[in-house]
Amino acid sequence: MKWVLRILVYVITPILPSMAQQAVSKVWVADNGKGFYKNPVLHADYSDPDAIRVGDDFYMIASSFNHVPGLPILHSKDLVNWSSAGYALQRQTPIVHFSVVQHGGGVWAPSIRYHNNGFYIYYPDPDFGIYLIRAKKITGPWSEPLLVAPGKGLIDPCPLWDDDGRVYLVHAYAGSRAGIKSVIVIKELNAEGTKVLNDGVLVYDGHEQDPTIEGPKLYKRNGYYYIFAPAGGVSTGWQVVLRSKNIYGPYERKVVMDQGATTVNGPHQGAWVNTQSGEDWFLHFQDKGAYGRVVHLQPVQWRNDWPVIGADKDGDGKGEPVLFHKKPSTGKEWPVTTPPDSDEFDSWRMGWQWQWQWQANPLPYWAFLAHGYLRLFSYPMPDTALNCWQVPNLLLQKFPAEEFMVTTKMNLHLRWKDEKAGLIIFGTDYATASVVKKDDNNYISFSICRSADKGTKEEQTDIEKLDGNEIYLRVQVRSGGVCSFSYSTDGKLFTGIGEAFTAKPGKWVGAAMGLFCTRALVTNDAGYADVDWFRVEPVIK
């Protein structure tokens, strides 16, 4: 018998990274096992990464936008092999605002620092301002978000605790909210880092040389203040470094990395870190469309107090991204690890906290876990929703590789007409393979929705009646994000369903894969789908 169901709450019990024993991905591993690695080290949508080293451990965080839980935390021992350590933000603030889907809102580019024996994360919400959360341990508990700098359009904050005890915060502006962009300001914070003390000083205007400069990270080295900041646009830009002997400038400028002759377009914002052995490295992202903003690791060399990021083949002080490189020196060889993608739902808490996210602050009865399956209860589509774009209870995760296959086994207990559950590839265009309840029976169905963000309605095709409750749903994603759906009633023979579908990114995020269970009616009870497992494997050649 199945174990008693347990509630899948969004206040997730913290677990130490060392306890999160997860299977290695079958579709993307950056470590070649022979002392070298390939980029991207994370072929998944960890946008705007920031990272630090604390002792022998590296920690990385990334943007999460409207997805909940938010602020993913990753852990590594060598900057190549990363595992998930949960999320720092269990619900988005303001709670009511984020109880409905807010595409493109929420957590933009955050920063993480270790100070005074604790972790500090500053994150921006472009509609409300800059928040701070703190914890003594990386696994939490994390404090409730504190609004440090209220204001519309304030983005990409990063703090610096100076040698004299003063505290500073650098940030940029979002043109979509503030009506201005391409500038960087520095503000002073109080000693606790919890409140801005002034309106700030404009330290760099990038309109002339560096349009759309953003994502600043503030450091100090050898008496210089450094601002690492990308410019030129997410998919087309370059990496700039500014330096000055005075926190407020004037700052010298240098381009330290661009695409060069590589295929890595617009190498964008990230984090400078060093190893225990004194090596310097830079983590940044590359925009790959439907695959999201994937994370690369670049070597860093310092010349005349300027960083050179990547491979500088002509010696001009400007590097380009490397695709293969010797791994960082961190004292020993560490086991191969990856963030999770598959989920057997064999525990009452593992899995949910590592990879899955909702589209909005969840209600506690959307999903429950037992030891052996995930129960998804249907939830009414919002009155204003014309398709799944505004549906909050989509349970999604990131694309994990260029090519992969997802298969999930479900047992359906649908009760109401037009109630349905299934597998979804989600973005501004999306497609689903599902089972839908009709008057007489359950039917296997394929749906596609193009320009979902514009309010387009789904095109649904009912394929055939489902005899019984059990079904296997599958999607194969091939290069370019081309998706092919299929289904099976025995898990062996799969039948193609629907047309080929090309995945599209969402708002500031890559396409996502996952599960859903919805209904059209508002009733006093719900049908449900029991998801036995969700497996990510190589495509069938």
Protein backbone atom coordinates (compact mmCIF):
# COMPACT_ATOMS: atom_id res chain seq x y z
CA MET A 1 0.00 0.00 0.00
CA LYS A 2 1.01 3.60 -0.53
CA TRP A 3 2.08 5.56 2.51
CA VAL A 4 -0.26 8.11 4.02
CA LEU A 5 -0.24 11.31 1.96
CA ARG A 6 1.67 14.21 3.37
CA ILE A 7 1.07 17.84 2.53
CA LEU A 8 3.51 19.37 0.05
CA VAL A 9 3.92 22.73 1.72
CA TYR A 10 5.87 25.66 0.40
CA VAL A 11 7.67 26.21 3.72
CA ILE A 12 10.25 23.58 2.95
CA THR A 13 12.30 21.80 5.59
CA PRO A 14 15.98 22.70 5.08
CA ILE A 15 18.39 19.86 4.40
CA LEU A 16 22.15 20.17 4.36
CA PRO A 17 23.66 19.99 0.85
CA SER A 18 25.68 16.93 1.88
CA MET A 19 22.43 15.14 2.66
CA ALA A 20 20.93 15.84 -0.73
CA GLN A 21 22.14 12.65 -2.40
CA GLN A 22 20.82 12.92 -5.93
CA ALA A 23 21.35 10.86 -9.03
CA VAL A 24 23.68 12.23 -11.68
CA SER A 25 21.89 13.52 -14.76
CA LYS A 26 21.80 11.17 -17.74
CA VAL A 27 21.67 14.03 -20.26
CA TRP A 28 24.29 16.63 -19.22
CA VAL A 29 27.49 16.28 -17.18
CA ALA A 30 30.18 18.97 -17.44
CA ASP A 31 32.98 16.99 -15.74
CA ASN A 32 34.76 14.62 -18.13
CA GLY A 33 36.35 12.69 -15.27
CA LYS A 34 39.89 13.30 -16.54
CA GLY A 35 40.65 16.65 -14.97
CA PHE A 36 38.85 18.73 -17.59
CA TYR A 37 35.37 20.15 -18.01
CA LYS A 38 33.13 21.38 -20.82
CA ASN A 39 30.95 24.47 -20.92
CA PRO A 40 28.29 25.16 -20.01
CA VAL A 41 28.88 23.71 -16.57
CA LEU A 42 25.11 24.03 -16.05
CA HIS A 43 23.07 23.56 -19.21
CA ALA A 44 19.99 24.96 -17.49
CA ASP A 45 18.31 28.31 -16.96
CA TYR A 46 20.22 29.71 -13.96
CA SER A 47 20.00 33.30 -15.10
CA ASP A 48 22.22 36.06 -13.67
CA PRO A 49 24.37 33.80 -11.50
CA ASP A 50 26.24 35.13 -8.49
CA ALA A 51 28.62 33.02 -6.43
CA ILE A 52 30.92 33.05 -3.41
CA ARG A 53 33.39 30.75 -1.70
CA VAL A 54 33.11 30.10 2.03
CA GLY A 55 35.99 27.91 3.17
CA ASP A 56 36.04 24.91 0.85
CA ASP A 57 32.50 25.40 -0.41
CA PHE A 58 31.15 27.39 -3.34
CA TYR A 59 27.57 28.65 -3.39
CA MET A 60 25.67 30.03 -6.35
CA ILE A 61 22.29 31.75 -6.61
CA ALA A 62 20.32 32.91 -9.64
CA SER A 63 17.26 34.83 -10.75
CA SER A 64 13.91 33.08 -10.38
CA PHE A 65 11.47 35.78 -11.55
CA ASN A 66 7.85 34.81 -10.78
CA HIS A 67 8.58 31.17 -9.96
CA VAL A 68 8.05 29.80 -6.44
CA PRO A 69 9.94 28.73 -4.46
CA GLY A 70 12.48 31.31 -5.58
CA LEU A 71 16.17 32.11 -5.33
CA PRO A 72 17.66 28.67 -6.10
CA ILE A 73 20.85 27.83 -4.20
CA LEU A 74 23.48 25.53 -5.67
CA HIS A 75 26.52 24.06 -3.96
CA SER A 76 29.87 22.93 -5.36
CA LYS A 77 33.30 21.88 -4.21
CA ASP A 78 35.09 22.60 -7.49
CA LEU A 79 32.97 25.09 -9.53
CA VAL A 80 32.24 22.36 -12.11
CA ASN A 81 30.10 19.85 -10.25
CA TRP A 82 27.01 21.52 -8.81
CA SER A 83 24.19 20.14 -6.70
CA SER A 84 21.00 21.78 -5.48
CA ALA A 85 20.74 23.03 -1.90
CA GLY A 86 17.12 24.18 -1.97
CA TYR A 87 15.67 27.67 -2.25
CA ALA A 88 16.14 30.77 -0.13
CA LEU A 89 12.72 32.28 -0.82
CA GLN A 90 9.73 30.11 -0.04
CA ARG A 91 7.08 32.65 -1.06
CA GLN A 92 7.22 35.86 -3.07
CA THR A 93 6.55 39.18 -1.33
CA PRO A 94 4.03 40.89 -1.40
CA ILE A 95 2.12 37.64 -0.82
CA VAL A 96 -1.20 38.70 -2.37
CA HIS A 97 0.46 40.27 -5.42
CA PHE A 98 2.27 37.02 -6.21
CA SER A 99 -0.74 34.80 -5.58
CA VAL A 100 -1.46 35.37 -9.27
CA VAL A 101 1.04 34.82 -12.08
CA GLN A 102 3.36 37.80 -12.66
CA HIS A 103 5.41 36.86 -15.71
CA GLY A 104 8.70 38.75 -15.85
CA GLY A 105 8.27 40.10 -12.32
CA GLY A 106 9.59 38.86 -9.01
CA VAL A 107 13.25 38.05 -8.37
CA TRP A 108 15.66 39.59 -10.86
CA ALA A 109 19.45 39.37 -10.65
CA PRO A 110 20.42 38.76 -6.99
CA SER A 111 23.75 38.77 -5.15
CA ILE A 112 25.03 36.64 -2.30
CA ARG A 113 27.76 37.50 0.21
CA TYR A 114 29.13 36.00 3.43
CA HIS A 115 29.69 38.56 6.19
CA ASN A 116 29.86 38.49 9.98
CA ASN A 117 29.43 34.69 10.04
CA GLY A 118 26.24 34.78 8.00
CA PHE A 119 24.85 34.78 4.49
CA TYR A 120 23.29 37.87 2.92
CA ILE A 121 21.21 37.82 -0.26
CA TYR A 122 20.19 41.11 -1.83
CA TYR A 123 17.61 40.67 -4.54
CA PRO A 124 15.62 43.16 -6.63
CA ASP A 125 11.97 43.16 -7.54
CA PRO A 126 11.75 45.77 -10.31
CA ASP A 127 8.23 46.74 -9.23
CA PHE A 128 8.93 47.24 -5.51
CA GLY A 129 12.64 47.71 -4.79
CA ILE A 130 15.65 45.92 -3.34
CA TYR A 131 15.16 43.31 -0.62
CA LEU A 132 17.51 41.62 1.85
CA ILE A 133 17.24 38.15 3.37
CA ARG A 134 19.75 36.64 5.80
CA ALA A 135 20.65 33.26 7.30
CA LYS A 136 23.34 31.82 9.53
CA LYS A 137 23.45 28.64 7.43
CA ILE A 138 23.13 28.33 3.69
CA THR A 139 20.24 25.93 4.23
CA GLY A 140 18.37 28.51 6.29
CA PRO A 141 16.10 29.32 7.85
CA TRP A 142 16.17 32.56 5.85
CA SER A 143 14.72 35.74 7.28
CA GLU A 144 11.60 37.35 5.85
CA PRO A 145 12.39 39.80 3.02
CA LEU A 146 13.29 43.28 4.25
CA LEU A 147 12.81 46.18 1.83
CA VAL A 148 16.21 47.91 1.97
CA ALA A 149 15.73 50.33 -0.93
CA PRO A 150 12.14 50.94 -2.05
CA GLY A 151 11.61 52.16 -5.59
CA LYS A 152 10.43 51.17 -9.02
CA GLY A 153 13.07 50.02 -11.49
CA LEU A 154 15.93 49.39 -9.04
CA ILE A 155 17.69 46.21 -10.18
CA ASP A 156 20.82 44.09 -9.89
CA PRO A 157 22.11 45.05 -6.40
CA CYS A 158 25.43 43.99 -4.91
CA PRO A 159 26.87 45.01 -1.53
CA LEU A 160 30.44 45.68 -0.39
CA TRP A 161 31.67 45.84 3.20
CA ASP A 162 34.70 48.12 3.02
CA ASP A 163 37.85 47.94 5.13
CA ASP A 164 36.80 50.97 7.20
CA GLY A 165 33.45 49.40 8.16
CA ARG A 166 31.32 51.40 5.74
CA VAL A 167 28.84 49.50 3.60
CA TYR A 168 27.92 50.22 -0.01
CA LEU A 169 25.36 48.96 -2.51
CA VAL A 170 25.76 49.16 -6.27
CA HIS A 171 22.78 48.73 -8.58
CA ALA A 172 21.41 49.51 -12.04
CA TYR A 173 18.01 50.59 -13.38
CA ALA A 174 15.42 48.81 -15.51
CA GLY A 175 14.22 51.00 -18.34
CA SER A 176 10.87 49.19 -18.43
CA ARG A 177 10.06 50.43 -14.92
CA ALA A 178 12.26 53.44 -14.23
CA GLY A 179 12.23 54.99 -17.69
CA ILE A 180 16.03 55.09 -17.63
CA LYS A 181 18.75 52.48 -18.07
CA SER A 182 22.44 52.10 -18.94
CA VAL A 183 23.61 53.76 -15.72
CA ILE A 184 25.17 52.44 -12.51
CA VAL A 185 24.87 54.05 -9.09
CA ILE A 186 26.41 53.40 -5.67
CA LYS A 187 24.56 54.08 -2.43
CA GLU A 188 25.74 53.85 1.15
CA LEU A 189 24.01 51.48 3.55
CA ASN A 190 23.87 51.54 7.32
CA ALA A 191 26.32 49.35 9.25
CA GLU A 192 23.81 46.49 9.36
CA GLY A 193 23.27 46.64 5.61
CA THR A 194 19.53 46.96 6.12
CA LYS A 195 18.80 50.49 4.89
CA VAL A 196 20.09 52.91 2.27
CA LEU A 197 21.38 56.18 3.67
CA ASN A 198 21.41 58.39 0.57
CA ASP A 199 20.11 58.75 -2.97
CA GLY A 200 23.36 57.46 -4.41
CA VAL A 201 26.08 58.65 -6.74
CA LEU A 202 26.08 58.07 -10.49
CA VAL A 203 29.41 56.30 -11.01
CA TYR A 204 29.04 55.25 -14.65
CA ASP A 205 26.89 56.26 -17.61
CA GLY A 206 27.09 53.66 -20.35
CA HIS A 207 24.91 55.33 -22.97
CA GLU A 208 27.82 56.20 -25.23
CA GLN A 209 30.07 53.12 -25.05
CA ASP A 210 28.10 50.50 -23.12
CA PRO A 211 24.35 50.69 -23.78
CA THR A 212 22.20 48.58 -21.45
CA ILE A 213 25.02 48.18 -18.94
CA GLU A 214 23.54 46.33 -15.97
CA GLY A 215 24.18 43.50 -13.50
CA PRO A 216 27.02 45.22 -11.59
CA LYS A 217 29.05 43.23 -9.07
CA LEU A 218 31.20 45.22 -6.63
CA TYR A 219 34.60 43.98 -5.38
CA LYS A 220 37.81 45.33 -3.86
CA ARG A 221 41.32 44.10 -4.72
CA ASN A 222 44.80 45.61 -4.29
CA GLY A 223 43.35 48.99 -3.32
CA TYR A 224 41.04 49.19 -6.35
CA TYR A 225 37.26 49.12 -6.32
CA TYR A 226 36.01 46.98 -9.22
CA ILE A 227 32.61 46.88 -10.86
CA PHE A 228 32.08 43.88 -13.13
CA ALA A 229 29.13 44.65 -15.42
CA PRO A 230 27.83 43.34 -18.76
CA ALA A 231 26.70 45.67 -21.53
CA GLY A 232 25.29 45.57 -25.03
CA GLY A 233 22.29 43.32 -24.40
CA VAL A 234 21.74 39.83 -23.06
CA SER A 235 22.31 37.90 -26.28
CA THR A 236 24.67 40.30 -28.05
CA GLY A 237 26.80 41.99 -25.41
CA TRP A 238 30.21 41.97 -23.78
CA GLN A 239 31.71 41.99 -20.29
CA VAL A 240 32.98 45.30 -18.92
CA VAL A 241 35.11 45.92 -15.84
CA LEU A 242 35.38 49.36 -14.23
CA ARG A 243 38.01 50.25 -11.63
CA SER A 244 38.82 53.17 -9.36
CA LYS A 245 40.81 53.97 -6.22
CA ASN A 246 37.73 55.80 -4.92
CA ILE A 247 34.40 54.07 -4.33
CA TYR A 248 32.58 56.90 -6.11
CA GLY A 249 35.03 57.11 -9.01
CA PRO A 250 35.98 58.30 -11.50
CA TYR A 251 36.17 54.78 -12.96
CA GLU A 252 38.40 53.54 -15.73
CA ARG A 253 36.79 51.17 -18.24
CA LYS A 254 37.95 48.03 -20.02
CA VAL A 255 36.20 45.30 -22.01
CA VAL A 256 37.59 42.07 -20.59
CA MET A 257 35.58 39.44 -22.52
CA ASP A 258 33.34 39.20 -25.57
CA GLN A 259 32.13 36.47 -27.90
CA GLY A 260 35.21 36.64 -30.10
CA ALA A 261 35.36 33.78 -32.59
CA THR A 262 33.30 31.45 -30.40
CA THR A 263 29.67 30.36 -30.52
CA VAL A 264 29.03 31.71 -27.02
CA ASN A 265 26.91 34.76 -27.79
CA GLY A 266 26.79 37.73 -25.45
CA PRO A 267 28.76 36.31 -22.51
CA HIS A 268 26.84 38.01 -19.75
CA GLN A 269 26.85 38.92 -16.08
CA GLY A 270 28.14 36.68 -13.37
CA ALA A 271 30.57 36.33 -10.50
CA TRP A 272 34.30 36.47 -9.85
CA VAL A 273 35.47 33.84 -7.34
CA ASN A 274 38.81 32.39 -6.30
CA THR A 275 39.87 28.98 -5.09
CA GLN A 276 41.78 28.01 -1.97
CA SER A 277 44.89 27.63 -4.16
CA GLY A 278 44.63 31.23 -5.39
CA GLU A 279 43.18 30.63 -8.85
CA ASP A 280 40.60 33.09 -10.17
CA TRP A 281 37.45 32.13 -12.07
CA PHE A 282 34.37 33.78 -13.52
CA LEU A 283 30.86 32.30 -13.77
CA HIS A 284 28.55 33.90 -16.35
CA PHE A 285 25.56 33.05 -18.47
CA GLN A 286 24.80 32.69 -22.16
CA ASP A 287 21.29 33.22 -23.54
CA LYS A 288 20.27 30.10 -25.50
CA GLY A 289 16.68 31.00 -26.29
CA ALA A 290 14.33 28.16 -25.36
CA TYR A 291 17.06 26.56 -23.24
CA GLY A 292 17.30 29.66 -21.08
CA ARG A 293 20.41 31.34 -19.75
CA VAL A 294 22.96 28.58 -19.23
CA VAL A 295 26.03 28.92 -16.99
CA HIS A 296 29.67 28.90 -18.15
CA LEU A 297 32.89 28.85 -16.14
CA GLN A 298 35.89 30.87 -17.38
CA PRO A 299 39.49 31.10 -16.12
CA VAL A 300 40.67 34.56 -15.03
CA GLN A 301 44.17 36.01 -15.16
CA TRP A 302 45.16 39.40 -13.71
CA ARG A 303 47.44 41.70 -15.69
CA ASN A 304 48.32 45.15 -14.42
CA ASP A 305 45.41 44.95 -11.99
CA TRP A 306 42.92 44.21 -14.78
CA PRO A 307 41.16 40.84 -15.08
CA VAL A 308 41.33 38.94 -18.36
CA ILE A 309 38.42 36.51 -18.60
CA GLY A 310 38.58 33.41 -20.80
CA ALA A 311 41.20 32.78 -23.49
CA ASP A 312 43.17 35.83 -24.66
CA LYS A 313 44.58 34.42 -27.89
CA ASP A 314 46.00 37.67 -29.27
CA GLY A 315 47.24 39.09 -25.96
CA ASP A 316 45.21 42.29 -26.11
CA GLY A 317 43.81 41.88 -22.59
CA LYS A 318 40.34 40.86 -23.80
CA GLY A 319 39.38 37.21 -23.60
CA GLU A 320 36.79 35.02 -25.23
CA PRO A 321 34.88 32.08 -23.70
CA VAL A 322 36.48 28.65 -23.49
CA LEU A 323 34.50 25.53 -24.34
CA PHE A 324 36.89 23.05 -22.70
CA HIS A 325 39.39 23.69 -19.93
CA LYS A 326 41.33 22.17 -17.07
CA LYS A 327 39.25 22.05 -13.91
CA PRO A 328 39.93 24.46 -11.04
CA SER A 329 42.50 23.45 -8.45
CA THR A 330 40.57 22.84 -5.23
CA GLY A 331 42.83 20.41 -3.43
CA LYS A 332 41.33 17.09 -4.56
CA GLU A 333 39.04 15.42 -7.06
CA TRP A 334 35.39 15.65 -6.12
CA PRO A 335 32.54 13.32 -7.15
CA VAL A 336 30.52 14.11 -10.23
CA THR A 337 27.27 15.85 -9.24
CA THR A 338 24.49 17.61 -11.11
CA PRO A 339 21.25 19.32 -10.17
CA PRO A 340 18.37 16.83 -10.27
CA ASP A 341 16.03 16.43 -13.20
CA SER A 342 14.32 13.05 -12.77
CA ASP A 343 12.05 12.44 -9.78
CA GLU A 344 10.74 9.12 -8.49
CA PHE A 345 8.65 10.84 -5.78
CA ASP A 346 9.87 8.21 -3.35
CA SER A 347 10.16 10.54 -0.37
CA TRP A 348 7.78 12.94 1.28
CA ARG A 349 10.11 15.92 0.84
CA MET A 350 13.16 15.22 -1.37
CA GLY A 351 12.82 16.20 -5.00
CA TRP A 352 10.15 18.86 -4.58
CA GLN A 353 12.55 21.23 -2.97
CA TRP A 354 15.38 20.67 -5.41
CA GLN A 355 13.94 21.21 -8.88
CA TRP A 356 10.23 21.97 -8.98
CA GLN A 357 8.62 25.42 -9.02
CA TRP A 358 5.10 26.82 -9.33
CA GLN A 359 4.18 29.89 -11.39
CA ALA A 360 2.91 31.82 -8.35
CA ASN A 361 2.69 31.52 -4.56
CA PRO A 362 1.07 28.11 -4.13
CA LEU A 363 -1.90 26.96 -2.13
CA PRO A 364 -1.04 24.03 0.15
CA TYR A 365 -3.57 21.65 -1.39
CA TRP A 366 -2.43 21.83 -5.00
CA ALA A 367 -0.15 18.84 -4.47
CA PHE A 368 0.65 16.19 -1.90
CA LEU A 369 3.51 13.72 -1.71
CA ALA A 370 3.38 10.13 -0.61
CA HIS A 371 6.28 7.69 -0.51
CA GLY A 372 5.97 6.59 -4.07
CA TYR A 373 3.90 9.15 -5.97
CA LEU A 374 2.90 12.78 -6.28
CA ARG A 375 -0.82 13.55 -6.11
CA LEU A 376 -1.84 16.62 -8.11
CA PHE A 377 -5.35 17.85 -7.41
CA SER A 378 -7.06 19.82 -10.13
CA TYR A 379 -7.46 23.52 -9.52
CA PRO A 380 -9.87 25.81 -11.40
CA MET A 381 -8.46 27.88 -14.22
CA PRO A 382 -8.55 31.59 -13.31
CA ASP A 383 -11.60 33.40 -14.67
CA THR A 384 -9.37 35.64 -16.77
CA ALA A 385 -7.21 32.82 -18.17
CA LEU A 386 -7.67 32.07 -21.86
CA ASN A 387 -4.97 29.42 -21.74
CA CYS A 388 -2.26 28.12 -19.37
CA TRP A 389 -0.23 31.35 -19.44
CA GLN A 390 -2.01 32.65 -16.33
CA VAL A 391 -2.47 29.27 -14.61
CA PRO A 392 -0.54 29.33 -11.31
CA ASN A 393 -0.49 25.60 -10.54
CA LEU A 394 1.84 24.45 -13.30
CA LEU A 395 4.60 22.41 -11.63
CA LEU A 396 7.67 23.10 -13.76
CA GLN A 397 11.41 22.69 -13.97
CA LYS A 398 14.20 23.84 -16.26
CA PHE A 399 15.34 22.24 -19.51
CA PRO A 400 18.46 20.23 -18.48
CA ALA A 401 20.33 19.76 -21.79
CA GLU A 402 20.31 20.43 -25.52
CA GLU A 403 18.61 17.08 -26.15
CA PHE A 404 16.66 14.94 -23.70
CA MET A 405 13.57 12.80 -23.26
CA VAL A 406 10.96 13.02 -20.50
CA THR A 407 8.63 10.15 -19.65
CA THR A 408 6.09 10.23 -16.85
CA LYS A 409 3.69 7.59 -15.55
CA MET A 410 0.28 8.76 -14.32
CA ASN A 411 -2.82 7.23 -12.80
CA LEU A 412 -5.86 9.42 -13.49
CA HIS A 413 -8.89 9.95 -11.24
CA LEU A 414 -10.70 12.76 -13.06
CA ARG A 415 -14.21 13.67 -11.91
CA TRP A 416 -15.51 16.68 -13.83
CA LYS A 417 -16.06 17.51 -17.46
CA ASP A 418 -12.99 19.19 -19.03
CA GLU A 419 -10.81 18.30 -16.04
CA LYS A 420 -7.41 17.28 -17.37
CA ALA A 421 -3.88 16.38 -16.36
CA GLY A 422 -0.69 15.76 -18.25
CA LEU A 423 2.77 16.69 -19.44
CA ILE A 424 3.58 20.21 -20.64
CA ILE A 425 6.38 22.02 -22.46
CA PHE A 426 5.77 25.63 -21.46
CA GLY A 427 6.73 29.05 -22.81
CA THR A 428 5.09 31.83 -24.79
CA ASP A 429 4.13 28.93 -27.06
CA TYR A 430 3.32 25.68 -25.29
CA ALA A 431 2.12 22.14 -25.98
CA THR A 432 0.67 19.38 -23.83
CA ALA A 433 0.01 15.66 -23.93
CA SER A 434 -2.78 14.96 -21.49
CA VAL A 435 -5.87 13.05 -20.49
CA VAL A 436 -9.12 15.03 -20.48
CA LYS A 437 -12.46 14.07 -18.95
CA LYS A 438 -15.45 14.12 -21.32
CA ASP A 439 -19.10 13.25 -20.69
CA ASP A 440 -18.65 9.58 -21.41
CA ASN A 441 -15.00 8.82 -20.63
CA ASN A 442 -11.39 9.98 -20.43
CA TYR A 443 -9.65 10.83 -23.69
CA ILE A 444 -6.00 11.09 -24.64
CA SER A 445 -5.47 14.60 -25.95
CA PHE A 446 -2.89 16.86 -27.56
CA SER A 447 -3.03 20.65 -27.23
CA ILE A 448 -0.93 23.41 -28.69
CA CYS A 449 -1.07 27.13 -27.99
CA ARG A 450 0.88 29.67 -29.98
CA SER A 451 1.44 33.17 -28.58
CA ALA A 452 -0.08 32.16 -25.28
CA ASP A 453 1.13 35.43 -23.77
CA LYS A 454 -1.12 37.27 -26.25
CA GLY A 455 -4.26 35.46 -25.06
CA THR A 456 -4.52 32.94 -27.90
CA LYS A 457 -6.73 29.96 -27.15
CA GLU A 458 -5.48 26.38 -27.16
CA GLU A 459 -6.07 24.11 -30.12
CA GLN A 460 -7.05 20.76 -28.60
CA THR A 461 -7.26 17.46 -30.45
CA ASP A 462 -8.76 14.43 -28.70
CA ILE A 463 -6.99 11.35 -29.98
CA GLU A 464 -8.74 8.30 -28.55
CA LYS A 465 -10.59 7.00 -25.52
CA LEU A 466 -8.44 5.83 -22.64
CA ASP A 467 -9.44 2.42 -21.33
CA GLY A 468 -8.44 2.31 -17.70
CA ASN A 469 -6.74 4.98 -15.62
CA GLU A 470 -3.04 4.42 -16.27
CA ILE A 471 -1.03 6.20 -18.94
CA TYR A 472 2.57 6.97 -19.85
CA LEU A 473 3.25 10.35 -21.46
CA ARG A 474 6.50 11.24 -23.22
CA VAL A 475 8.19 14.13 -24.97
CA GLN A 476 11.50 14.01 -26.82
CA VAL A 477 13.30 17.35 -27.11
CA ARG A 478 15.90 17.53 -29.84
CA SER A 479 18.39 20.19 -30.93
CA GLY A 480 16.73 23.54 -31.49
CA GLY A 481 14.02 22.74 -28.96
CA VAL A 482 12.01 20.58 -31.39
CA CYS A 483 9.56 18.51 -29.33
CA SER A 484 7.78 15.28 -30.24
CA PHE A 485 5.05 13.94 -27.93
CA SER A 486 3.83 10.36 -27.56
CA TYR A 487 1.83 8.16 -25.21
CA SER A 488 1.60 4.54 -24.13
CA THR A 489 -0.79 2.43 -22.08
CA ASP A 490 1.78 -0.24 -21.22
CA GLY A 491 5.05 1.73 -20.98
CA LYS A 492 6.54 -0.19 -23.90
CA LEU A 493 4.85 0.74 -27.16
CA PHE A 494 4.60 4.51 -27.63
CA THR A 495 2.35 6.18 -30.20
CA GLY A 496 3.13 9.62 -31.55
CA ILE A 497 0.63 12.35 -30.75
CA GLY A 498 0.13 15.74 -32.34
CA GLU A 499 2.50 17.71 -34.53
CA ALA A 500 6.15 18.56 -33.99
CA PHE A 501 6.39 21.56 -31.70
CA THR A 502 9.29 24.00 -31.28
CA ALA A 503 9.72 25.19 -27.69
CA LYS A 504 9.81 28.92 -27.04
CA PRO A 505 11.17 30.79 -24.01
CA GLY A 506 8.91 32.52 -21.50
CA LYS A 507 9.27 36.08 -20.17
CA TRP A 508 13.00 36.42 -19.32
CA VAL A 509 13.19 32.66 -18.79
CA GLY A 510 13.76 29.59 -20.91
CA ALA A 511 11.12 27.05 -21.78
CA ALA A 512 10.12 24.69 -18.97
CA MET A 513 8.91 21.12 -18.71
CA GLY A 514 6.55 19.73 -16.15
CA LEU A 515 3.13 18.63 -14.95
CA PHE A 516 -0.33 20.12 -14.60
CA CYS A 517 -3.81 19.24 -13.38
CA THR A 518 -6.60 21.75 -14.07
CA ARG A 519 -10.36 22.01 -14.34
CA ALA A 520 -12.81 24.51 -15.81
CA LEU A 521 -15.46 24.32 -13.07
CA VAL A 522 -15.49 25.83 -9.60
CA THR A 523 -16.77 22.95 -7.45
CA ASN A 524 -16.51 21.74 -3.86
CA ASP A 525 -14.17 18.88 -4.71
CA ALA A 526 -11.48 17.93 -7.19
CA GLY A 527 -10.28 15.05 -9.27
CA TYR A 528 -6.59 14.22 -9.25
CA ALA A 529 -3.64 12.64 -11.00
CA ASP A 530 -1.16 10.41 -9.21
CA VAL A 531 2.27 10.84 -10.80
CA ASP A 532 4.32 7.71 -10.18
CA TRP A 533 7.56 9.11 -11.58
CA PHE A 534 9.08 11.71 -13.90
CA ARG A 535 12.24 10.50 -15.72
CA VAL A 536 14.71 12.45 -17.82
CA GLU A 537 16.82 10.33 -20.18
CA PRO A 538 18.66 10.60 -23.50
CA VAL A 539 16.54 10.85 -26.63
CA ILE A 540 15.92 7.71 -28.64
CA LYS A 541 18.06 7.86 -31.75
